[in-house]
Protein backbone atom coordinates (compact mmCIF):
# COMPACT_ATOMS: atom_id res chain seq x y z
CA MET A 1 -10.27 4.13 11.47
CA LYS A 2 -12.39 2.28 8.89
CA SER A 3 -10.54 0.45 6.16
CA ILE A 4 -11.59 2.88 3.39
CA GLU A 5 -10.43 5.81 5.54
CA LEU A 6 -7.09 4.07 6.02
CA VAL A 7 -6.86 3.58 2.25
CA LYS A 8 -7.55 7.28 1.62
CA PHE A 9 -5.04 8.39 4.27
CA THR A 10 -2.42 6.02 2.87
CA CYS A 11 -2.91 7.13 -0.74
CA LYS A 12 -2.76 10.80 0.19
CA LEU A 13 0.45 10.35 2.18
CA LEU A 14 2.09 8.22 -0.52
CA ASP A 15 1.14 10.79 -3.15
CA THR A 16 2.53 13.63 -1.03
CA LYS A 17 5.81 11.73 -0.64
CA LYS A 18 6.10 11.21 -4.43
CA ALA A 19 5.20 7.52 -4.65
CA THR A 20 4.35 6.54 -8.21
CA ASP A 21 1.62 4.44 -9.81
CA ILE A 22 -0.57 4.18 -6.70
CA ALA A 23 -3.31 1.58 -7.13
CA VAL A 24 -6.02 0.31 -4.82
CA LEU A 25 -7.47 -3.15 -5.31
CA ASP A 26 -10.75 -4.08 -3.63
CA ILE A 27 -10.24 -7.69 -2.54
CA ARG A 28 -13.26 -7.96 -0.20
CA LYS A 29 -15.17 -10.40 -2.42
CA LEU A 30 -12.10 -12.40 -3.41
CA SER A 31 -10.18 -13.10 -0.22
CA SER A 32 -10.33 -13.23 3.54
CA LEU A 33 -6.85 -11.63 3.68
CA GLY A 34 -8.36 -8.18 3.99
CA ASP A 35 -10.47 -5.54 2.29
CA TYR A 36 -7.95 -3.64 0.17
CA PHE A 37 -4.47 -3.83 -1.27
CA VAL A 38 -2.73 -0.51 -1.73
CA VAL A 39 0.11 -0.87 -4.23
CA ALA A 40 2.68 1.85 -4.91
CA SER A 41 6.21 2.30 -6.20
CA GLY A 42 9.25 4.17 -5.03
CA ILE A 43 12.07 5.21 -7.35
CA SER A 44 14.83 3.55 -5.29
CA THR A 45 15.28 1.33 -2.25
CA ILE A 46 15.92 4.45 -0.17
CA HIS A 47 12.64 5.93 -1.40
CA VAL A 48 10.76 2.66 -0.75
CA LYS A 49 12.11 2.61 2.84
CA ALA A 50 11.26 6.27 3.34
CA LEU A 51 7.69 5.79 2.09
CA ALA A 52 7.10 2.80 4.36
CA GLY A 53 8.77 4.47 7.34
CA GLU A 54 6.79 7.70 6.98
CA LEU A 55 3.52 5.83 6.60
CA GLU A 56 4.24 3.65 9.61
CA LYS A 57 5.19 6.71 11.71
CA LYS A 58 2.13 8.79 10.73
CA LEU A 59 -0.24 5.91 11.44
CA ALA A 60 1.50 5.12 14.75
CA ASP A 61 0.97 8.76 15.73
CA GLN A 62 -2.75 7.99 15.43
CA GLY A 63 -2.46 4.79 17.45
CA ILE A 64 -2.60 2.53 14.40
CA HIS A 65 0.12 -0.12 14.23
CA PRO A 66 0.76 -2.81 11.63
CA ARG A 67 0.15 -6.44 12.46
CA ARG A 68 3.43 -7.13 10.70
CA VAL A 69 5.98 -5.53 8.41
CA GLU A 70 8.08 -7.49 5.94
CA GLY A 71 10.90 -6.63 3.55
CA GLU A 72 12.48 -3.69 5.36
CA LYS A 73 16.04 -5.00 4.98
CA SER A 74 16.04 -5.44 1.22
CA ALA A 75 13.55 -2.61 0.61
CA VAL A 76 12.63 -3.84 -2.86
CA TRP A 77 9.15 -4.77 -1.60
CA ILE A 78 7.93 -3.66 1.80
CA LEU A 79 4.63 -5.04 3.00
CA LEU A 80 2.74 -3.29 5.79
CA ASP A 81 -0.16 -5.40 7.07
CA TYR A 82 -2.84 -3.32 8.77
CA ASN A 83 -5.34 -6.21 8.96
CA ASP A 84 -8.02 -5.03 6.50
CA VAL A 85 -5.61 -2.90 4.45
CA ILE A 86 -2.39 -4.43 3.16
CA ILE A 87 0.09 -1.96 1.73
CA HIS A 88 2.71 -3.04 -0.81
CA ILE A 89 5.50 -0.59 -1.62
CA PHE A 90 7.82 -1.75 -4.39
CA ASN A 91 10.74 -0.60 -6.44
CA ASP A 92 9.79 -0.64 -10.14
CA GLU A 93 11.71 -3.78 -11.10
CA THR A 94 10.19 -5.88 -8.32
CA ARG A 95 6.70 -4.54 -8.95
CA ASN A 96 6.95 -5.40 -12.64
CA PHE A 97 8.22 -8.89 -11.78
CA TYR A 98 5.43 -9.78 -9.32
CA CYS A 99 2.70 -7.69 -10.98
CA LEU A 100 0.12 -7.94 -8.20
CA GLU A 101 -2.40 -6.06 -10.31
CA ARG A 102 -2.33 -8.90 -12.84
CA LEU A 103 -2.31 -11.65 -10.19
CA TRP A 104 -5.34 -10.01 -8.58
CA GLY A 105 -6.89 -9.12 -11.93
CA ASP A 106 -10.40 -10.02 -10.74
CA ALA A 107 -10.18 -7.39 -7.99
CA PRO A 108 -11.90 -4.12 -8.87
CA ARG A 109 -9.63 -1.09 -8.82
CA LEU A 110 -10.82 1.97 -6.96
CA ASP A 111 -10.95 5.08 -9.10
CA GLU A 112 -8.98 8.13 -8.07
CA LYS A 113 -12.25 9.97 -7.39
CA ASP A 114 -13.27 7.22 -4.92
CA ILE A 115 -10.01 7.64 -3.03
CA LYS A 116 -9.99 11.43 -2.97
CA GLN A 117 -13.53 11.89 -1.63
């Protein structure tokens, strides 16, 4: 699966599972970490865990496994590293504290229409 296809799949699943404030940052020209950051919020630690778990399961069903997963115990910020696509699922307080969108302010954000094509 190409990285943009993974982004679209991820955003659709997160939206279906009621994640909030989904954002996609294009980091290709800024970093060798990957191509995209997908950033989303859950309303509680249980929701954050459920979002990450469902995403990991659905991608594993397609033979796609993360290089690493971090933050599952605390579930205030779970990071799923799929090489070119790095997914950050936060609770609101932690997302506001770290504010990745501001830290990566030079990264273009993909429009909703780009993701839903």
